[in-house]
Amino acid sequence: EIQTADLCDANEDRVRVLEPMLASYGGL
């Protein structure tokens, strides 16, 4: 199950975060 906040917390030194600029349109 994907939860980006939890993934960021657990892997803070390994991730890059996209600026909040895109909206979600898909069914997933």
PDB file of all heavy atoms in Angstrom:
ATOM      1  N   GLU A   1       0.861  -1.184   0.000  1.00  0.00           N
ATOM      2  CA  GLU A   1       0.000   0.000   0.000  1.00  0.00           C
ATOM      3  C   GLU A   1       0.895   1.231   0.000  1.00  0.00           C
ATOM      4  O   GLU A   1       1.812   1.357   0.809  1.00  0.00           O
ATOM      5  CB  GLU A   1      -0.894   0.011   1.235  1.00  0.00           C
ATOM      6  CG  GLU A   1      -1.863   1.175   1.230  1.00  0.00           C
ATOM      7  CD  GLU A   1      -2.794   1.158   2.432  1.00  0.00           C
ATOM      8  OE1 GLU A   1      -3.222   0.071   2.844  1.00  0.00           O
ATOM      9  OE2 GLU A   1      -3.071   2.255   2.934  1.00  0.00           O
ATOM     10  N   ILE A   2       0.639   2.140  -0.928  1.00  0.00           N
ATOM     11  CA  ILE A   2       1.505   3.308  -1.080  1.00  0.00           C
ATOM     12  C   ILE A   2       0.978   4.467  -0.253  1.00  0.00           C
ATOM     13  O   ILE A   2      -0.171   4.891  -0.405  1.00  0.00           O
ATOM     14  CB  ILE A   2       1.620   3.698  -2.560  1.00  0.00           C
ATOM     15  CG1 ILE A   2       2.350   2.573  -3.293  1.00  0.00           C
ATOM     16  CG2 ILE A   2       2.331   5.038  -2.730  1.00  0.00           C
ATOM     17  CD1 ILE A   2       2.398   2.711  -4.766  1.00  0.00           C
ATOM     18  N   GLN A   3       1.831   4.933   0.648  1.00  0.00           N
ATOM     19  CA  GLN A   3       1.561   6.128   1.440  1.00  0.00           C
ATOM     20  C   GLN A   3       2.845   6.954   1.398  1.00  0.00           C
ATOM     21  O   GLN A   3       3.805   6.662   2.109  1.00  0.00           O
ATOM     22  CB  GLN A   3       1.175   5.774   2.874  1.00  0.00           C
ATOM     23  CG  GLN A   3      -0.133   4.999   2.939  1.00  0.00           C
ATOM     24  CD  GLN A   3      -0.490   4.591   4.350  1.00  0.00           C
ATOM     25  OE1 GLN A   3       0.377   4.309   5.176  1.00  0.00           O
ATOM     26  NE2 GLN A   3      -1.779   4.551   4.628  1.00  0.00           N
ATOM     27  N   THR A   4       2.846   7.988   0.554  1.00  0.00           N
ATOM     28  CA  THR A   4       4.086   8.736   0.337  1.00  0.00           C
ATOM     29  C   THR A   4       4.605   9.397   1.605  1.00  0.00           C
ATOM     30  O   THR A   4       5.822   9.486   1.785  1.00  0.00           O
ATOM     31  CB  THR A   4       3.914   9.782  -0.778  1.00  0.00           C
ATOM     32  OG1 THR A   4       2.857  10.676  -0.443  1.00  0.00           O
ATOM     33  CG2 THR A   4       3.638   9.114  -2.118  1.00  0.00           C
ATOM     34  N   ALA A   5       3.726   9.837   2.482  1.00  0.00           N
ATOM     35  CA  ALA A   5       4.191  10.464   3.726  1.00  0.00           C
ATOM     36  C   ALA A   5       4.998   9.474   4.561  1.00  0.00           C
ATOM     37  O   ALA A   5       6.087   9.797   5.059  1.00  0.00           O
ATOM     38  CB  ALA A   5       3.012  11.009   4.522  1.00  0.00           C
ATOM     39  N   ASP A   6       4.487   8.256   4.700  1.00  0.00           N
ATOM     40  CA  ASP A   6       5.204   7.231   5.465  1.00  0.00           C
ATOM     41  C   ASP A   6       6.500   6.820   4.764  1.00  0.00           C
ATOM     42  O   ASP A   6       7.529   6.606   5.414  1.00  0.00           O
ATOM     43  CB  ASP A   6       4.321   6.004   5.674  1.00  0.00           C
ATOM     44  CG  ASP A   6       3.149   6.281   6.615  1.00  0.00           C
ATOM     45  OD1 ASP A   6       3.187   7.302   7.333  1.00  0.00           O
ATOM     46  OD2 ASP A   6       2.198   5.476   6.615  1.00  0.00           O
ATOM     47  N   LEU A   7       6.457   6.711   3.439  1.00  0.00           N
ATOM     48  CA  LEU A   7       7.671   6.372   2.696  1.00  0.00           C
ATOM     49  C   LEU A   7       8.727   7.460   2.853  1.00  0.00           C
ATOM     50  O   LEU A   7       9.916   7.154   2.993  1.00  0.00           O
ATOM     51  CB  LEU A   7       7.354   6.150   1.216  1.00  0.00           C
ATOM     52  CG  LEU A   7       6.615   4.854   0.883  1.00  0.00           C
ATOM     53  CD1 LEU A   7       6.150   4.867  -0.572  1.00  0.00           C
ATOM     54  CD2 LEU A   7       7.481   3.635   1.164  1.00  0.00           C
ATOM     55  N   CYS A   8       8.297   8.718   2.848  1.00  0.00           N
ATOM     56  CA  CYS A   8       9.242   9.827   3.072  1.00  0.00           C
ATOM     57  C   CYS A   8       9.874   9.743   4.455  1.00  0.00           C
ATOM     58  O   CYS A   8      11.086   9.913   4.603  1.00  0.00           O
ATOM     59  CB  CYS A   8       8.538  11.179   2.926  1.00  0.00           C
ATOM     60  SG  CYS A   8       8.388  11.741   1.243  1.00  0.00           S
ATOM     61  N   ASP A   9       9.044   9.490   5.463  1.00  0.00           N
ATOM     62  CA  ASP A   9       9.547   9.410   6.837  1.00  0.00           C
ATOM     63  C   ASP A   9      10.563   8.286   6.994  1.00  0.00           C
ATOM     64  O   ASP A   9      11.591   8.453   7.643  1.00  0.00           O
ATOM     65  CB  ASP A   9       8.394   9.191   7.823  1.00  0.00           C
ATOM     66  CG  ASP A   9       7.489  10.400   7.960  1.00  0.00           C
ATOM     67  OD1 ASP A   9       7.845  11.483   7.446  1.00  0.00           O
ATOM     68  OD2 ASP A   9       6.411  10.252   8.565  1.00  0.00           O
ATOM     69  N   ALA A  10      10.274   7.138   6.383  1.00  0.00           N
ATOM     70  CA  ALA A  10      11.138   5.968   6.551  1.00  0.00           C
ATOM     71  C   ALA A  10      12.377   6.012   5.651  1.00  0.00           C
ATOM     72  O   ALA A  10      13.333   5.274   5.891  1.00  0.00           O
ATOM     73  CB  ALA A  10      10.338   4.700   6.256  1.00  0.00           C
ATOM     74  N   ASN A  11      12.348   6.856   4.619  1.00  0.00           N
ATOM     75  CA  ASN A  11      13.445   6.871   3.645  1.00  0.00           C
ATOM     76  C   ASN A  11      13.874   8.292   3.309  1.00  0.00           C
ATOM     77  O   ASN A  11      14.224   8.591   2.170  1.00  0.00           O
ATOM     78  CB  ASN A  11      12.991   6.172   2.354  1.00  0.00           C
ATOM     79  CG  ASN A  11      12.557   4.748   2.574  1.00  0.00           C
ATOM     80  OD1 ASN A  11      13.379   3.845   2.625  1.00  0.00           O
ATOM     81  ND2 ASN A  11      11.257   4.536   2.707  1.00  0.00           N
ATOM     82  N   GLU A  12      13.867   9.161   4.301  1.00  0.00           N
ATOM     83  CA  GLU A  12      14.059  10.597   4.077  1.00  0.00           C
ATOM     84  C   GLU A  12      15.300  10.942   3.264  1.00  0.00           C
ATOM     85  O   GLU A  12      15.277  11.829   2.410  1.00  0.00           O
ATOM     86  CB  GLU A  12      14.102  11.328   5.414  1.00  0.00           C
ATOM     87  CG  GLU A  12      14.048  12.824   5.273  1.00  0.00           C
ATOM     88  CD  GLU A  12      13.856  13.515   6.619  1.00  0.00           C
ATOM     89  OE1 GLU A  12      13.525  12.850   7.606  1.00  0.00           O
ATOM     90  OE2 GLU A  12      14.056  14.731   6.643  1.00  0.00           O
ATOM     91  N   ASP A  13      16.382  10.226   3.479  1.00  0.00           N
ATOM     92  CA  ASP A  13      17.628  10.540   2.775  1.00  0.00           C
ATOM     93  C   ASP A  13      17.691   9.928   1.373  1.00  0.00           C
ATOM     94  O   ASP A  13      18.640  10.172   0.630  1.00  0.00           O
ATOM     95  CB  ASP A  13      18.828  10.065   3.588  1.00  0.00           C
ATOM     96  CG  ASP A  13      18.792   8.572   3.890  1.00  0.00           C
ATOM     97  OD1 ASP A  13      17.701   7.970   3.872  1.00  0.00           O
ATOM     98  OD2 ASP A  13      19.871   7.994   4.129  1.00  0.00           O
ATOM     99  N   ARG A  14      16.671   9.150   0.991  1.00  0.00           N
ATOM    100  CA  ARG A  14      16.688   8.450  -0.296  1.00  0.00           C
ATOM    101  C   ARG A  14      15.663   8.963  -1.298  1.00  0.00           C
ATOM    102  O   ARG A  14      15.608   8.452  -2.416  1.00  0.00           O
ATOM    103  CB  ARG A  14      16.421   6.962  -0.073  1.00  0.00           C
ATOM    104  CG  ARG A  14      17.479   6.273   0.762  1.00  0.00           C
ATOM    105  CD  ARG A  14      17.147   4.802   0.987  1.00  0.00           C
ATOM    106  NE  ARG A  14      16.855   4.118  -0.265  1.00  0.00           N
ATOM    107  CZ  ARG A  14      16.040   3.077  -0.341  1.00  0.00           C
ATOM    108  NH1 ARG A  14      15.436   2.603   0.718  1.00  0.00           N
ATOM    109  NH2 ARG A  14      15.813   2.492  -1.513  1.00  0.00           N
ATOM    110  N   VAL A  15      14.819   9.934  -0.913  1.00  0.00           N
ATOM    111  CA  VAL A  15      13.736  10.354  -1.802  1.00  0.00           C
ATOM    112  C   VAL A  15      13.863  11.817  -2.207  1.00  0.00           C
ATOM    113  O   VAL A  15      14.425  12.630  -1.491  1.00  0.00           O
ATOM    114  CB  VAL A  15      12.341  10.125  -1.172  1.00  0.00           C
ATOM    115  CG1 VAL A  15      12.115   8.658  -0.868  1.00  0.00           C
ATOM    116  CG2 VAL A  15      12.128  10.964   0.051  1.00  0.00           C
ATOM    117  N   ARG A  16      13.312  12.105  -3.366  1.00  0.00           N
ATOM    118  CA  ARG A  16      13.132  13.472  -3.840  1.00  0.00           C
ATOM    119  C   ARG A  16      11.632  13.670  -3.987  1.00  0.00           C
ATOM    120  O   ARG A  16      10.921  12.773  -4.447  1.00  0.00           O
ATOM    121  CB  ARG A  16      13.858  13.674  -5.175  1.00  0.00           C
ATOM    122  CG  ARG A  16      15.378  13.541  -5.024  1.00  0.00           C
ATOM    123  CD  ARG A  16      16.133  13.614  -6.342  1.00  0.00           C
ATOM    124  NE  ARG A  16      15.613  12.836  -7.454  1.00  0.00           N
ATOM    125  CZ  ARG A  16      15.791  11.526  -7.640  1.00  0.00           C
ATOM    126  NH1 ARG A  16      16.472  10.828  -6.757  1.00  0.00           N
ATOM    127  NH2 ARG A  16      15.304  10.918  -8.704  1.00  0.00           N
ATOM    128  N   VAL A  17      11.155  14.846  -3.602  1.00  0.00           N
ATOM    129  CA  VAL A  17       9.719  15.117  -3.593  1.00  0.00           C
ATOM    130  C   VAL A  17       9.386  16.146  -4.670  1.00  0.00           C
ATOM    131  O   VAL A  17       9.963  17.233  -4.699  1.00  0.00           O
ATOM    132  CB  VAL A  17       9.264  15.635  -2.206  1.00  0.00           C
ATOM    133  CG1 VAL A  17       7.774  15.922  -2.206  1.00  0.00           C
ATOM    134  CG2 VAL A  17       9.627  14.622  -1.118  1.00  0.00           C
ATOM    135  N   LEU A  18       8.446  15.802  -5.528  1.00  0.00           N
ATOM    136  CA  LEU A  18       7.994  16.723  -6.567  1.00  0.00           C
ATOM    137  C   LEU A  18       7.253  17.889  -5.935  1.00  0.00           C
ATOM    138  O   LEU A  18       6.449  17.700  -5.016  1.00  0.00           O
ATOM    139  CB  LEU A  18       7.067  16.001  -7.543  1.00  0.00           C
ATOM    140  CG  LEU A  18       6.595  16.810  -8.742  1.00  0.00           C
ATOM    141  CD1 LEU A  18       7.741  17.021  -9.732  1.00  0.00           C
ATOM    142  CD2 LEU A  18       5.434  16.116  -9.430  1.00  0.00           C
ATOM    143  N   GLU A  19       7.523  19.094  -6.422  1.00  0.00           N
ATOM    144  CA  GLU A  19       6.778  20.260  -5.949  1.00  0.00           C
ATOM    145  C   GLU A  19       5.286  20.005  -6.156  1.00  0.00           C
ATOM    146  O   GLU A  19       4.897  19.353  -7.128  1.00  0.00           O
ATOM    147  CB  GLU A  19       7.203  21.500  -6.738  1.00  0.00           C
ATOM    148  CG  GLU A  19       8.640  21.898  -6.498  1.00  0.00           C
ATOM    149  CD  GLU A  19       9.137  22.953  -7.470  1.00  0.00           C
ATOM    150  OE1 GLU A  19       8.362  23.449  -8.321  1.00  0.00           O
ATOM    151  OE2 GLU A  19      10.335  23.279  -7.398  1.00  0.00           O
ATOM    152  N   PRO A  20       4.427  20.520  -5.268  1.00  0.00           N
ATOM    153  CA  PRO A  20       2.982  20.267  -5.402  1.00  0.00           C
ATOM    154  C   PRO A  20       2.386  21.063  -6.563  1.00  0.00           C
ATOM    155  O   PRO A  20       1.898  22.177  -6.394  1.00  0.00           O
ATOM    156  CB  PRO A  20       2.415  20.709  -4.057  1.00  0.00           C
ATOM    157  CG  PRO A  20       3.416  21.667  -3.517  1.00  0.00           C
ATOM    158  CD  PRO A  20       4.745  21.265  -4.061  1.00  0.00           C
ATOM    159  N   MET A  21       2.449  20.472  -7.748  1.00  0.00           N
ATOM    160  CA  MET A  21       2.035  21.168  -8.955  1.00  0.00           C
ATOM    161  C   MET A  21       1.093  20.360  -9.838  1.00  0.00           C
ATOM    162  O   MET A  21       0.480  20.896 -10.742  1.00  0.00           O
ATOM    163  CB  MET A  21       3.279  21.548  -9.768  1.00  0.00           C
ATOM    164  CG  MET A  21       4.146  20.356 -10.110  1.00  0.00           C
ATOM    165  SD  MET A  21       5.782  20.769 -10.725  1.00  0.00           S
ATOM    166  CE  MET A  21       5.422  21.209 -12.386  1.00  0.00           C
ATOM    167  N   LEU A  22       0.977  19.066  -9.580  1.00  0.00           N
ATOM    168  CA  LEU A  22       0.150  18.194 -10.407  1.00  0.00           C
ATOM    169  C   LEU A  22      -1.091  17.753  -9.649  1.00  0.00           C
ATOM    170  O   LEU A  22      -1.057  17.585  -8.436  1.00  0.00           O
ATOM    171  CB  LEU A  22       0.937  16.963 -10.854  1.00  0.00           C
ATOM    172  CG  LEU A  22       2.252  17.203 -11.593  1.00  0.00           C
ATOM    173  CD1 LEU A  22       2.904  15.868 -11.949  1.00  0.00           C
ATOM    174  CD2 LEU A  22       2.038  18.037 -12.834  1.00  0.00           C
ATOM    175  N   ALA A  23      -2.174  17.533 -10.383  1.00  0.00           N
ATOM    176  CA  ALA A  23      -3.413  17.029  -9.802  1.00  0.00           C
ATOM    177  C   ALA A  23      -3.616  15.575 -10.232  1.00  0.00           C
ATOM    178  O   ALA A  23      -3.150  15.159 -11.286  1.00  0.00           O
ATOM    179  CB  ALA A  23      -4.591  17.883 -10.259  1.00  0.00           C
ATOM    180  N   SER A  24      -4.338  14.834  -9.408  1.00  0.00           N
ATOM    181  CA  SER A  24      -4.644  13.436  -9.694  1.00  0.00           C
ATOM    182  C   SER A  24      -5.940  13.348 -10.487  1.00  0.00           C
ATOM    183  O   SER A  24      -6.952  13.931 -10.101  1.00  0.00           O
ATOM    184  CB  SER A  24      -4.773  12.652  -8.388  1.00  0.00           C
ATOM    185  OG  SER A  24      -5.132  11.316  -8.649  1.00  0.00           O
ATOM    186  N   TYR A  25      -5.911  12.593 -11.590  1.00  0.00           N
ATOM    187  CA  TYR A  25      -7.099  12.445 -12.440  1.00  0.00           C
ATOM    188  C   TYR A  25      -7.506  10.994 -12.656  1.00  0.00           C
ATOM    189  O   TYR A  25      -8.609  10.731 -13.128  1.00  0.00           O
ATOM    190  CB  TYR A  25      -6.842  13.088 -13.813  1.00  0.00           C
ATOM    191  CG  TYR A  25      -6.691  14.587 -13.741  1.00  0.00           C
ATOM    192  CD1 TYR A  25      -5.437  15.180 -13.716  1.00  0.00           C
ATOM    193  CD2 TYR A  25      -7.805  15.411 -13.676  1.00  0.00           C
ATOM    194  CE1 TYR A  25      -5.291  16.557 -13.652  1.00  0.00           C
ATOM    195  CE2 TYR A  25      -7.668  16.794 -13.597  1.00  0.00           C
ATOM    196  CZ  TYR A  25      -6.412  17.349 -13.594  1.00  0.00           C
ATOM    197  OH  TYR A  25      -6.260  18.712 -13.517  1.00  0.00           O
ATOM    198  N   GLY A  26      -6.649  10.046 -12.365  1.00  0.00           N
ATOM    199  CA  GLY A  26      -6.946   8.645 -12.635  1.00  0.00           C
ATOM    200  C   GLY A  26      -7.808   7.996 -11.582  1.00  0.00           C
ATOM    201  O   GLY A  26      -8.029   8.542 -10.501  1.00  0.00           O
ATOM    202  N   GLY A  27      -8.273   6.805 -11.898  1.00  0.00           N
ATOM    203  CA  GLY A  27      -9.075   6.035 -10.956  1.00  0.00           C
ATOM    204  C   GLY A  27      -8.262   5.460  -9.820  1.00  0.00           C
ATOM    205  O   GLY A  27      -8.795   5.178  -8.749  1.00  0.00           O
ATOM    206  N   LEU A  28      -6.961   5.271 -10.028  1.00  0.00           N
ATOM    207  CA  LEU A  28      -6.069   4.857  -8.947  1.00  0.00           C
ATOM    208  C   LEU A  28      -5.475   6.106  -8.317  1.00  0.00           C
ATOM    209  O   LEU A  28      -4.802   6.872  -8.993  1.00  0.00           O
ATOM    210  CB  LEU A  28      -4.920   3.992  -9.479  1.00  0.00           C
ATOM    211  CG  LEU A  28      -5.176   2.550  -9.821  1.00  0.00           C
ATOM    212  CD1 LEU A  28      -3.879   1.881 -10.270  1.00  0.00           C
ATOM    213  CD2 LEU A  28      -5.784   1.808  -8.666  1.00  0.00           C
TER     214      LEU A  28
END
